[in-house]
Amino acid sequence: MVLCGAAAAFPVRAQYGFPSFADLAEKLIPTVVNISTIQQPDQINIPAEGSNGGGEYYDPLEGRVALGSGFIISEDGYIITNYHVIENAEVVNVVLFDNTEVEADIIGGD
């Protein structure tokens, strides 16, 4: 919904008359974040079950690591992402557009 509302504010036309999202993307790219989480498995040496879209692997020393992306949706730092990225996470690390890395708390999910 934010994309639609913001897109209407940028009536730029690209080749063939289709709207261009280049200006919108340039404005919003700083809100995109990388997210990595660590989940401790019940048993050691169990391989990860395939990829869940963003990427997932298993490190026997650290546990299962899920990788994904998210978006900052408020000035006070709330981020949304897909639930499978943070599901059962013990540690959540977020890398911002300027490469600042912060640990995040999970506020909720469904």
PDB file of N, CA and C in Angstrom:
ATOM      1  N   MET A   1       0.821  -1.183   0.000  1.00  0.00           N
ATOM      2  CA  MET A   1       0.000   0.000   0.000  1.00  0.00           C
ATOM      3  C   MET A   1       0.867   1.249   0.000  1.00  0.00           C
ATOM      4  N   VAL A   2       1.952   1.249   0.728  1.00  0.00           N
ATOM      5  CA  VAL A   2       2.852   2.401   0.734  1.00  0.00           C
ATOM      6  C   VAL A   2       3.392   2.635  -0.661  1.00  0.00           C
ATOM      7  N   LEU A   3       3.748   1.563  -1.352  1.00  0.00           N
ATOM      8  CA  LEU A   3       4.273   1.682  -2.702  1.00  0.00           C
ATOM      9  C   LEU A   3       3.262   2.344  -3.620  1.00  0.00           C
ATOM     10  N   CYS A   4       2.012   1.925  -3.546  1.00  0.00           N
ATOM     11  CA  CYS A   4       0.979   2.508  -4.411  1.00  0.00           C
ATOM     12  C   CYS A   4       0.782   3.985  -4.119  1.00  0.00           C
ATOM     13  N   GLY A   5       0.695   4.338  -2.827  1.00  0.00           N
ATOM     14  CA  GLY A   5       0.503   5.735  -2.463  1.00  0.00           C
ATOM     15  C   GLY A   5       1.685   6.587  -2.870  1.00  0.00           C
ATOM     16  N   ALA A   6       2.885   6.079  -2.642  1.00  0.00           N
ATOM     17  CA  ALA A   6       4.084   6.830  -2.999  1.00  0.00           C
ATOM     18  C   ALA A   6       4.261   6.884  -4.506  1.00  0.00           C
ATOM     19  N   ALA A   7       3.887   5.822  -5.203  1.00  0.00           N
ATOM     20  CA  ALA A   7       4.052   5.791  -6.653  1.00  0.00           C
ATOM     21  C   ALA A   7       3.194   6.858  -7.315  1.00  0.00           C
ATOM     22  N   ALA A   8       2.021   7.115  -6.749  1.00  0.00           N
ATOM     23  CA  ALA A   8       1.147   8.129  -7.320  1.00  0.00           C
ATOM     24  C   ALA A   8       1.760   9.522  -7.217  1.00  0.00           C
ATOM     25  N   ALA A   9       2.648   9.715  -6.246  1.00  0.00           N
ATOM     26  CA  ALA A   9       3.286  11.014  -6.068  1.00  0.00           C
ATOM     27  C   ALA A   9       4.425  11.235  -7.052  1.00  0.00           C
ATOM     28  N   PHE A  10       4.828  10.202  -7.793  1.00  0.00           N
ATOM     29  CA  PHE A  10       5.926  10.292  -8.747  1.00  0.00           C
ATOM     30  C   PHE A  10       5.414   9.950 -10.139  1.00  0.00           C
ATOM     31  N   PRO A  11       4.781  10.888 -10.822  1.00  0.00           N
ATOM     32  CA  PRO A  11       4.198  10.581 -12.126  1.00  0.00           C
ATOM     33  C   PRO A  11       5.238  10.556 -13.242  1.00  0.00           C
ATOM     34  N   VAL A  12       6.378   9.930 -13.011  1.00  0.00           N
ATOM     35  CA  VAL A  12       7.432   9.832 -14.009  1.00  0.00           C
ATOM     36  C   VAL A  12       7.054   8.734 -15.001  1.00  0.00           C
ATOM     37  N   ARG A  13       7.280   8.980 -16.265  1.00  0.00           N
ATOM     38  CA  ARG A  13       6.982   7.980 -17.290  1.00  0.00           C
ATOM     39  C   ARG A  13       8.282   7.431 -17.863  1.00  0.00           C
ATOM     40  N   ALA A  14       8.347   6.130 -17.975  1.00  0.00           N
ATOM     41  CA  ALA A  14       9.508   5.469 -18.560  1.00  0.00           C
ATOM     42  C   ALA A  14       9.220   5.215 -20.037  1.00  0.00           C
ATOM     43  N   GLN A  15      10.126   4.531 -20.649  1.00  0.00           N
ATOM     44  CA  GLN A  15       9.972   4.172 -22.047  1.00  0.00           C
ATOM     45  C   GLN A  15       8.676   3.384 -22.247  1.00  0.00           C
ATOM     46  N   TYR A  16       7.979   3.563 -23.343  1.00  0.00           N
ATOM     47  CA  TYR A  16       6.727   2.897 -23.698  1.00  0.00           C
ATOM     48  C   TYR A  16       5.555   3.325 -22.816  1.00  0.00           C
ATOM     49  N   GLY A  17       5.677   4.426 -22.067  1.00  0.00           N
ATOM     50  CA  GLY A  17       4.559   4.935 -21.302  1.00  0.00           C
ATOM     51  C   GLY A  17       4.314   4.262 -19.958  1.00  0.00           C
ATOM     52  N   PHE A  18       5.143   3.286 -19.593  1.00  0.00           N
ATOM     53  CA  PHE A  18       4.971   2.652 -18.293  1.00  0.00           C
ATOM     54  C   PHE A  18       5.579   3.537 -17.208  1.00  0.00           C
ATOM     55  N   PRO A  19       4.997   3.538 -16.011  1.00  0.00           N
ATOM     56  CA  PRO A  19       5.570   4.369 -14.937  1.00  0.00           C
ATOM     57  C   PRO A  19       6.957   3.870 -14.533  1.00  0.00           C
ATOM     58  N   SER A  20       7.816   4.810 -14.178  1.00  0.00           N
ATOM     59  CA  SER A  20       9.159   4.465 -13.721  1.00  0.00           C
ATOM     60  C   SER A  20       9.183   4.508 -12.196  1.00  0.00           C
ATOM     61  N   PHE A  21       9.760   3.475 -11.594  1.00  0.00           N
ATOM     62  CA  PHE A  21       9.886   3.441 -10.148  1.00  0.00           C
ATOM     63  C   PHE A  21      11.306   3.787  -9.708  1.00  0.00           C
ATOM     64  N   ALA A  22      12.118   4.283 -10.626  1.00  0.00           N
ATOM     65  CA  ALA A  22      13.515   4.593 -10.311  1.00  0.00           C
ATOM     66  C   ALA A  22      13.631   5.650  -9.218  1.00  0.00           C
ATOM     67  N   ASP A  23      12.859   6.728  -9.326  1.00  0.00           N
ATOM     68  CA  ASP A  23      12.914   7.770  -8.300  1.00  0.00           C
ATOM     69  C   ASP A  23      12.413   7.247  -6.961  1.00  0.00           C
ATOM     70  N   LEU A  24      11.349   6.472  -7.004  1.00  0.00           N
ATOM     71  CA  LEU A  24      10.796   5.884  -5.783  1.00  0.00           C
ATOM     72  C   LEU A  24      11.796   4.925  -5.149  1.00  0.00           C
ATOM     73  N   ALA A  25      12.414   4.075  -5.957  1.00  0.00           N
ATOM     74  CA  ALA A  25      13.397   3.129  -5.436  1.00  0.00           C
ATOM     75  C   ALA A  25      14.579   3.858  -4.814  1.00  0.00           C
ATOM     76  N   GLU A  26      15.051   4.900  -5.471  1.00  0.00           N
ATOM     77  CA  GLU A  26      16.181   5.662  -4.939  1.00  0.00           C
ATOM     78  C   GLU A  26      15.831   6.276  -3.578  1.00  0.00           C
ATOM     79  N   LYS A  27      14.607   6.720  -3.440  1.00  0.00           N
ATOM     80  CA  LYS A  27      14.167   7.331  -2.187  1.00  0.00           C
ATOM     81  C   LYS A  27      14.009   6.288  -1.073  1.00  0.00           C
ATOM     82  N   LEU A  28      13.511   5.090  -1.409  1.00  0.00           N
ATOM     83  CA  LEU A  28      13.170   4.098  -0.394  1.00  0.00           C
ATOM     84  C   LEU A  28      14.269   3.079  -0.104  1.00  0.00           C
ATOM     85  N   ILE A  29      15.292   2.974  -0.944  1.00  0.00           N
ATOM     86  CA  ILE A  29      16.333   1.959  -0.740  1.00  0.00           C
ATOM     87  C   ILE A  29      17.002   2.060   0.637  1.00  0.00           C
ATOM     88  N   PRO A  30      17.137   3.238   1.225  1.00  0.00           N
ATOM     89  CA  PRO A  30      17.728   3.286   2.571  1.00  0.00           C
ATOM     90  C   PRO A  30      16.870   2.620   3.652  1.00  0.00           C
ATOM     91  N   THR A  31      15.603   2.320   3.346  1.00  0.00           N
ATOM     92  CA  THR A  31      14.748   1.650   4.327  1.00  0.00           C
ATOM     93  C   THR A  31      14.874   0.130   4.273  1.00  0.00           C
ATOM     94  N   VAL A  32      15.576  -0.390   3.278  1.00  0.00           N
ATOM     95  CA  VAL A  32      15.751  -1.840   3.137  1.00  0.00           C
ATOM     96  C   VAL A  32      16.902  -2.294   4.031  1.00  0.00           C
ATOM     97  N   VAL A  33      16.676  -3.388   4.778  1.00  0.00           N
ATOM     98  CA  VAL A  33      17.694  -3.910   5.690  1.00  0.00           C
ATOM     99  C   VAL A  33      17.942  -5.384   5.418  1.00  0.00           C
ATOM    100  N   ASN A  34      19.123  -5.855   5.794  1.00  0.00           N
ATOM    101  CA  ASN A  34      19.445  -7.277   5.775  1.00  0.00           C
ATOM    102  C   ASN A  34      19.273  -7.809   7.188  1.00  0.00           C
ATOM    103  N   ILE A  35      18.705  -8.997   7.302  1.00  0.00           N
ATOM    104  CA  ILE A  35      18.436  -9.595   8.606  1.00  0.00           C
ATOM    105  C   ILE A  35      19.055 -10.985   8.653  1.00  0.00           C
ATOM    106  N   SER A  36      19.751 -11.272   9.752  1.00  0.00           N
ATOM    107  CA  SER A  36      20.230 -12.633   9.984  1.00  0.00           C
ATOM    108  C   SER A  36      19.830 -13.027  11.396  1.00  0.00           C
ATOM    109  N   THR A  37      19.419 -14.276  11.546  1.00  0.00           N
ATOM    110  CA  THR A  37      19.014 -14.776  12.855  1.00  0.00           C
ATOM    111  C   THR A  37      19.727 -16.076  13.157  1.00  0.00           C
ATOM    112  N   ILE A  38      19.882 -16.348  14.431  1.00  0.00           N
ATOM    113  CA  ILE A  38      20.479 -17.614  14.869  1.00  0.00           C
ATOM    114  C   ILE A  38      19.447 -18.350  15.712  1.00  0.00           C
ATOM    115  N   GLN A  39      19.226 -19.613  15.366  1.00  0.00           N
ATOM    116  CA  GLN A  39      18.287 -20.465  16.082  1.00  0.00           C
ATOM    117  C   GLN A  39      19.040 -21.703  16.529  1.00  0.00           C
ATOM    118  N   GLN A  40      18.940 -22.047  17.787  1.00  0.00           N
ATOM    119  CA  GLN A  40      19.606 -23.249  18.287  1.00  0.00           C
ATOM    120  C   GLN A  40      18.721 -24.462  18.028  1.00  0.00           C
ATOM    121  N   PRO A  41      19.221 -25.460  17.318  1.00  0.00           N
ATOM    122  CA  PRO A  41      18.431 -26.663  17.042  1.00  0.00           C
ATOM    123  C   PRO A  41      18.368 -27.565  18.276  1.00  0.00           C
ATOM    124  N   ASP A  42      17.404 -28.474  18.273  1.00  0.00           N
ATOM    125  CA  ASP A  42      17.280 -29.422  19.376  1.00  0.00           C
ATOM    126  C   ASP A  42      18.427 -30.429  19.392  1.00  0.00           C
ATOM    127  N   GLN A  43      18.904 -30.788  18.227  1.00  0.00           N
ATOM    128  CA  GLN A  43      20.011 -31.741  18.133  1.00  0.00           C
ATOM    129  C   GLN A  43      21.124 -31.132  17.290  1.00  0.00           C
ATOM    130  N   ILE A  44      22.351 -31.448  17.640  1.00  0.00           N
ATOM    131  CA  ILE A  44      23.499 -30.980  16.870  1.00  0.00           C
ATOM    132  C   ILE A  44      23.684 -31.901  15.660  1.00  0.00           C
ATOM    133  N   ASN A  45      24.270 -31.351  14.599  1.00  0.00           N
ATOM    134  CA  ASN A  45      24.582 -32.065  13.359  1.00  0.00           C
ATOM    135  C   ASN A  45      23.359 -32.438  12.532  1.00  0.00           C
ATOM    136  N   ILE A  46      22.275 -31.701  12.679  1.00  0.00           N
ATOM    137  CA  ILE A  46      21.123 -31.878  11.807  1.00  0.00           C
ATOM    138  C   ILE A  46      21.241 -30.835  10.704  1.00  0.00           C
ATOM    139  N   PRO A  47      21.279 -31.252   9.441  1.00  0.00           N
ATOM    140  CA  PRO A  47      21.407 -30.259   8.367  1.00  0.00           C
ATOM    141  C   PRO A  47      20.136 -29.424   8.238  1.00  0.00           C
ATOM    142  N   ALA A  48      20.283 -28.229   7.728  1.00  0.00           N
ATOM    143  CA  ALA A  48      19.133 -27.355   7.498  1.00  0.00           C
ATOM    144  C   ALA A  48      18.245 -27.964   6.429  1.00  0.00           C
ATOM    145  N   GLU A  49      16.950 -27.739   6.536  1.00  0.00           N
ATOM    146  CA  GLU A  49      15.991 -28.266   5.570  1.00  0.00           C
ATOM    147  C   GLU A  49      15.829 -27.302   4.408  1.00  0.00           C
ATOM    148  N   GLY A  50      16.700 -27.336   3.443  1.00  0.00           N
ATOM    149  CA  GLY A  50      16.559 -26.512   2.245  1.00  0.00           C
ATOM    150  C   GLY A  50      16.504 -25.029   2.517  1.00  0.00           C
ATOM    151  N   SER A  51      16.186 -24.288   1.509  1.00  0.00           N
ATOM    152  CA  SER A  51      16.131 -22.833   1.612  1.00  0.00           C
ATOM    153  C   SER A  51      14.700 -22.380   1.789  1.00  0.00           C
ATOM    154  N   ASN A  52      14.516 -21.332   2.564  1.00  0.00           N
ATOM    155  CA  ASN A  52      13.191 -20.747   2.769  1.00  0.00           C
ATOM    156  C   ASN A  52      13.046 -19.442   2.015  1.00  0.00           C
ATOM    157  N   GLY A  53      13.673 -19.312   0.884  1.00  0.00           N
ATOM    158  CA  GLY A  53      13.528 -18.094   0.092  1.00  0.00           C
ATOM    159  C   GLY A  53      14.710 -17.156   0.257  1.00  0.00           C
ATOM    160  N   GLY A  54      14.961 -16.661   1.483  1.00  0.00           N
ATOM    161  CA  GLY A  54      16.057 -15.732   1.708  1.00  0.00           C
ATOM    162  C   GLY A  54      17.386 -16.444   1.806  1.00  0.00           C
ATOM    163  N   GLY A  55      17.391 -17.662   2.258  1.00  0.00           N
ATOM    164  CA  GLY A  55      18.610 -18.423   2.420  1.00  0.00           C
ATOM    165  C   GLY A  55      18.704 -18.930   3.831  1.00  0.00           C
ATOM    166  N   GLU A  56      19.161 -20.153   3.978  1.00  0.00           N
ATOM    167  CA  GLU A  56      19.239 -20.756   5.291  1.00  0.00           C
ATOM    168  C   GLU A  56      20.341 -21.804   5.264  1.00  0.00           C
ATOM    169  N   TYR A  57      21.121 -21.872   6.313  1.00  0.00           N
ATOM    170  CA  TYR A  57      22.131 -22.907   6.404  1.00  0.00           C
ATOM    171  C   TYR A  57      22.343 -23.273   7.854  1.00  0.00           C
ATOM    172  N   TYR A  58      23.101 -24.326   8.102  1.00  0.00           N
ATOM    173  CA  TYR A  58      23.318 -24.812   9.454  1.00  0.00           C
ATOM    174  C   TYR A  58      24.801 -24.809   9.769  1.00  0.00           C
ATOM    175  N   ASP A  59      25.168 -24.194  10.867  1.00  0.00           N
ATOM    176  CA  ASP A  59      26.536 -24.187  11.358  1.00  0.00           C
ATOM    177  C   ASP A  59      26.512 -24.917  12.697  1.00  0.00           C
ATOM    178  N   PRO A  60      27.183 -26.070  12.823  1.00  0.00           N
ATOM    179  CA  PRO A  60      27.103 -26.832  14.064  1.00  0.00           C
ATOM    180  C   PRO A  60      27.599 -26.080  15.287  1.00  0.00           C
ATOM    181  N   LEU A  61      28.410 -25.053  15.098  1.00  0.00           N
ATOM    182  CA  LEU A  61      28.887 -24.280  16.241  1.00  0.00           C
ATOM    183  C   LEU A  61      27.917 -23.172  16.638  1.00  0.00           C
ATOM    184  N   GLU A  62      27.139 -22.684  15.676  1.00  0.00           N
ATOM    185  CA  GLU A  62      26.229 -21.572  15.967  1.00  0.00           C
ATOM    186  C   GLU A  62      24.762 -21.930  15.874  1.00  0.00           C
ATOM    187  N   GLY A  63      24.414 -23.031  15.243  1.00  0.00           N
ATOM    188  CA  GLY A  63      23.012 -23.382  15.065  1.00  0.00           C
ATOM    189  C   GLY A  63      22.536 -23.036  13.679  1.00  0.00           C
ATOM    190  N   ARG A  64      21.247 -22.987  13.516  1.00  0.00           N
ATOM    191  CA  ARG A  64      20.648 -22.665  12.227  1.00  0.00           C
ATOM    192  C   ARG A  64      20.652 -21.156  12.036  1.00  0.00           C
ATOM    193  N   VAL A  65      21.052 -20.725  10.866  1.00  0.00           N
ATOM    194  CA  VAL A  65      21.109 -19.300  10.547  1.00  0.00           C
ATOM    195  C   VAL A  65      20.127 -19.042   9.409  1.00  0.00           C
ATOM    196  N   ALA A  66      19.201 -18.108   9.623  1.00  0.00           N
ATOM    197  CA  ALA A  66      18.258 -17.710   8.576  1.00  0.00           C
ATOM    198  C   ALA A  66      18.638 -16.314   8.104  1.00  0.00           C
ATOM    199  N   LEU A  67      18.566 -16.110   6.807  1.00  0.00           N
ATOM    200  CA  LEU A  67      18.918 -14.824   6.208  1.00  0.00           C
ATOM    201  C   LEU A  67      17.712 -14.288   5.450  1.00  0.00           C
ATOM    202  N   GLY A  68      17.520 -12.983   5.505  1.00  0.00           N
ATOM    203  CA  GLY A  68      16.416 -12.385   4.775  1.00  0.00           C
ATOM    204  C   GLY A  68      16.570 -10.885   4.712  1.00  0.00           C
ATOM    205  N   SER A  69      15.518 -10.243   4.269  1.00  0.00           N
ATOM    206  CA  SER A  69      15.514  -8.785   4.199  1.00  0.00           C
ATOM    207  C   SER A  69      14.259  -8.278   4.879  1.00  0.00           C
ATOM    208  N   GLY A  70      14.236  -6.988   5.106  1.00  0.00           N
ATOM    209  CA  GLY A  70      13.082  -6.360   5.718  1.00  0.00           C
ATOM    210  C   GLY A  70      13.061  -4.888   5.358  1.00  0.00           C
ATOM    211  N   PHE A  71      12.084  -4.178   5.892  1.00  0.00           N
ATOM    212  CA  PHE A  71      11.908  -2.762   5.603  1.00  0.00           C
ATOM    213  C   PHE A  71      11.647  -2.007   6.887  1.00  0.00           C
ATOM    214  N   ILE A  72      12.314  -0.874   7.053  1.00  0.00           N
ATOM    215  CA  ILE A  72      12.025   0.016   8.170  1.00  0.00           C
ATOM    216  C   ILE A  72      10.714   0.716   7.843  1.00  0.00           C
ATOM    217  N   ILE A  73       9.739   0.625   8.763  1.00  0.00           N
ATOM    218  CA  ILE A  73       8.418   1.194   8.471  1.00  0.00           C
ATOM    219  C   ILE A  73       8.063   2.382   9.356  1.00  0.00           C
ATOM    220  N   SER A  74       8.945   2.737  10.298  1.00  0.00           N
ATOM    221  CA  SER A  74       8.645   3.887  11.154  1.00  0.00           C
ATOM    222  C   SER A  74       9.942   4.572  11.565  1.00  0.00           C
ATOM    223  N   GLU A  75       9.817   5.808  11.960  1.00  0.00           N
ATOM    224  CA  GLU A  75      10.991   6.585  12.357  1.00  0.00           C
ATOM    225  C   GLU A  75      11.630   6.061  13.638  1.00  0.00           C
ATOM    226  N   ASP A  76      10.854   5.340  14.457  1.00  0.00           N
ATOM    227  CA  ASP A  76      11.430   4.802  15.688  1.00  0.00           C
ATOM    228  C   ASP A  76      12.008   3.407  15.507  1.00  0.00           C
ATOM    229  N   GLY A  77      12.143   2.950  14.260  1.00  0.00           N
ATOM    230  CA  GLY A  77      12.922   1.762  13.966  1.00  0.00           C
ATOM    231  C   GLY A  77      12.186   0.453  13.826  1.00  0.00           C
ATOM    232  N   TYR A  78      10.874   0.455  13.741  1.00  0.00           N
ATOM    233  CA  TYR A  78      10.160  -0.805  13.530  1.00  0.00           C
ATOM    234  C   TYR A  78      10.457  -1.329  12.133  1.00  0.00           C
ATOM    235  N   ILE A  79      10.678  -2.642  12.047  1.00  0.00           N
ATOM    236  CA  ILE A  79      11.026  -3.303  10.793  1.00  0.00           C
ATOM    237  C   ILE A  79      10.040  -4.438  10.566  1.00  0.00           C
ATOM    238  N   ILE A  80       9.625  -4.639   9.321  1.00  0.00           N
ATOM    239  CA  ILE A  80       8.822  -5.807   8.991  1.00  0.00           C
ATOM    240  C   ILE A  80       9.650  -6.728   8.105  1.00  0.00           C
ATOM    241  N   THR A  81       9.410  -8.024   8.269  1.00  0.00           N
ATOM    242  CA  THR A  81      10.076  -9.047   7.465  1.00  0.00           C
ATOM    243  C   THR A  81       9.160 -10.252   7.399  1.00  0.00           C
ATOM    244  N   ASN A  82       9.542 -11.258   6.632  1.00  0.00           N
ATOM    245  CA  ASN A  82       8.784 -12.505   6.592  1.00  0.00           C
ATOM    246  C   ASN A  82       8.984 -13.271   7.894  1.00  0.00           C
ATOM    247  N   TYR A  83       7.927 -13.920   8.343  1.00  0.00           N
ATOM    248  CA  TYR A  83       7.969 -14.606   9.632  1.00  0.00           C
ATOM    249  C   TYR A  83       9.029 -15.710   9.665  1.00  0.00           C
ATOM    250  N   HIS A  84       9.219 -16.431   8.547  1.00  0.00           N
ATOM    251  CA  HIS A  84      10.180 -17.538   8.575  1.00  0.00           C
ATOM    252  C   HIS A  84      11.605 -17.063   8.863  1.00  0.00           C
ATOM    253  N   VAL A  85      11.889 -15.791   8.639  1.00  0.00           N
ATOM    254  CA  VAL A  85      13.226 -15.262   8.913  1.00  0.00           C
ATOM    255  C   VAL A  85      13.476 -15.162  10.420  1.00  0.00           C
ATOM    256  N   ILE A  86      12.449 -14.820  11.193  1.00  0.00           N
ATOM    257  CA  ILE A  86      12.624 -14.604  12.633  1.00  0.00           C
ATOM    258  C   ILE A  86      12.034 -15.708  13.499  1.00  0.00           C
ATOM    259  N   GLU A  87      11.390 -16.687  12.883  1.00  0.00           N
ATOM    260  CA  GLU A  87      10.728 -17.753  13.637  1.00  0.00           C
ATOM    261  C   GLU A  87      11.721 -18.486  14.543  1.00  0.00           C
ATOM    262  N   ASN A  88      11.417 -18.569  15.830  1.00  0.00           N
ATOM    263  CA  ASN A  88      12.247 -19.239  16.846  1.00  0.00           C
ATOM    264  C   ASN A  88      13.665 -18.670  16.951  1.00  0.00           C
ATOM    265  N   ALA A  89      13.843 -17.434  16.582  1.00  0.00           N
ATOM    266  CA  ALA A  89      15.181 -16.837  16.613  1.00  0.00           C
ATOM    267  C   ALA A  89      15.587 -16.501  18.044  1.00  0.00           C
ATOM    268  N   GLU A  90      16.832 -16.802  18.364  1.00  0.00           N
ATOM    269  CA  GLU A  90      17.402 -16.422  19.653  1.00  0.00           C
ATOM    270  C   GLU A  90      18.163 -15.108  19.529  1.00  0.00           C
ATOM    271  N   VAL A  91      18.747 -14.863  18.365  1.00  0.00           N
ATOM    272  CA  VAL A  91      19.495 -13.634  18.097  1.00  0.00           C
ATOM    273  C   VAL A  91      19.034 -13.103  16.742  1.00  0.00           C
ATOM    274  N   VAL A  92      18.772 -11.791  16.677  1.00  0.00           N
ATOM    275  CA  VAL A  92      18.388 -11.151  15.422  1.00  0.00           C
ATOM    276  C   VAL A  92      19.344  -9.985  15.191  1.00  0.00           C
ATOM    277  N   ASN A  93      20.082 -10.039  14.098  1.00  0.00           N
ATOM    278  CA  ASN A  93      20.995  -8.961  13.716  1.00  0.00           C
ATOM    279  C   ASN A  93      20.474  -8.290  12.457  1.00  0.00           C
ATOM    280  N   VAL A  94      20.539  -6.956  12.445  1.00  0.00           N
ATOM    281  CA  VAL A  94      20.056  -6.170  11.313  1.00  0.00           C
ATOM    282  C   VAL A  94      21.204  -5.314  10.800  1.00  0.00           C
ATOM    283  N   VAL A  95      21.404  -5.328   9.477  1.00  0.00           N
ATOM    284  CA  VAL A  95      22.399  -4.468   8.843  1.00  0.00           C
ATOM    285  C   VAL A  95      21.643  -3.415   8.047  1.00  0.00           C
ATOM    286  N   LEU A  96      21.886  -2.157   8.408  1.00  0.00           N
ATOM    287  CA  LEU A  96      21.222  -1.038   7.761  1.00  0.00           C
ATOM    288  C   LEU A  96      21.906  -0.670   6.449  1.00  0.00           C
ATOM    289  N   PHE A  97      21.293   0.218   5.692  1.00  0.00           N
ATOM    290  CA  PHE A  97      21.798   0.648   4.383  1.00  0.00           C
ATOM    291  C   PHE A  97      23.232   1.180   4.459  1.00  0.00           C
ATOM    292  N   ASP A  98      23.585   1.856   5.559  1.00  0.00           N
ATOM    293  CA  ASP A  98      24.934   2.421   5.707  1.00  0.00           C
ATOM    294  C   ASP A  98      25.922   1.432   6.331  1.00  0.00           C
ATOM    295  N   ASN A  99      25.550   0.139   6.366  1.00  0.00           N
ATOM    296  CA  ASN A  99      26.339  -0.964   6.924  1.00  0.00           C
ATOM    297  C   ASN A  99      26.446  -0.945   8.442  1.00  0.00           C
ATOM    298  N   THR A 100      25.659  -0.126   9.132  1.00  0.00           N
ATOM    299  CA  THR A 100      25.578  -0.179  10.584  1.00  0.00           C
ATOM    300  C   THR A 100      24.893  -1.483  10.967  1.00  0.00           C
ATOM    301  N   GLU A 101      25.454  -2.206  11.920  1.00  0.00           N
ATOM    302  CA  GLU A 101      24.879  -3.471  12.368  1.00  0.00           C
ATOM    303  C   GLU A 101      24.355  -3.311  13.788  1.00  0.00           C
ATOM    304  N   VAL A 102      23.113  -3.718  14.003  1.00  0.00           N
ATOM    305  CA  VAL A 102      22.481  -3.620  15.312  1.00  0.00           C
ATOM    306  C   VAL A 102      21.768  -4.926  15.643  1.00  0.00           C
ATOM    307  N   GLU A 103      21.651  -5.220  16.937  1.00  0.00           N
ATOM    308  CA  GLU A 103      20.854  -6.366  17.366  1.00  0.00           C
ATOM    309  C   GLU A 103      19.429  -5.890  17.585  1.00  0.00           C
ATOM    310  N   ALA A 104      18.470  -6.674  17.154  1.00  0.00           N
ATOM    311  CA  ALA A 104      17.069  -6.280  17.231  1.00  0.00           C
ATOM    312  C   ALA A 104      16.293  -7.202  18.174  1.00  0.00           C
ATOM    313  N   ASP A 105      15.186  -6.701  18.667  1.00  0.00           N
ATOM    314  CA  ASP A 105      14.253  -7.482  19.476  1.00  0.00           C
ATOM    315  C   ASP A 105      13.022  -7.795  18.629  1.00  0.00           C
ATOM    316  N   ILE A 106      12.487  -8.989  18.806  1.00  0.00           N
ATOM    317  CA  ILE A 106      11.254  -9.357  18.120  1.00  0.00           C
ATOM    318  C   ILE A 106      10.082  -8.837  18.954  1.00  0.00           C
ATOM    319  N   ILE A 107       9.264  -8.000  18.355  1.00  0.00           N
ATOM    320  CA  ILE A 107       8.113  -7.419  19.035  1.00  0.00           C
ATOM    321  C   ILE A 107       6.867  -8.272  18.823  1.00  0.00           C
ATOM    322  N   GLY A 108       6.758  -8.879  17.658  1.00  0.00           N
ATOM    323  CA  GLY A 108       5.589  -9.720  17.363  1.00  0.00           C
ATOM    324  C   GLY A 108       5.731 -10.389  16.030  1.00  0.00           C
ATOM    325  N   GLY A 109       4.794 -11.265  15.730  1.00  0.00           N
ATOM    326  CA  GLY A 109       4.806 -11.955  14.451  1.00  0.00           C
ATOM    327  C   GLY A 109       3.558 -12.789  14.299  1.00  0.00           C
ATOM    328  N   ASP A 110       3.244 -13.159  13.079  1.00  0.00           N
ATOM    329  CA  ASP A 110       2.134 -14.089  12.841  1.00  0.00           C
ATOM    330  C   ASP A 110       2.365 -14.887  11.591  1.00  0.00           C
TER     331      ASP A 110
END
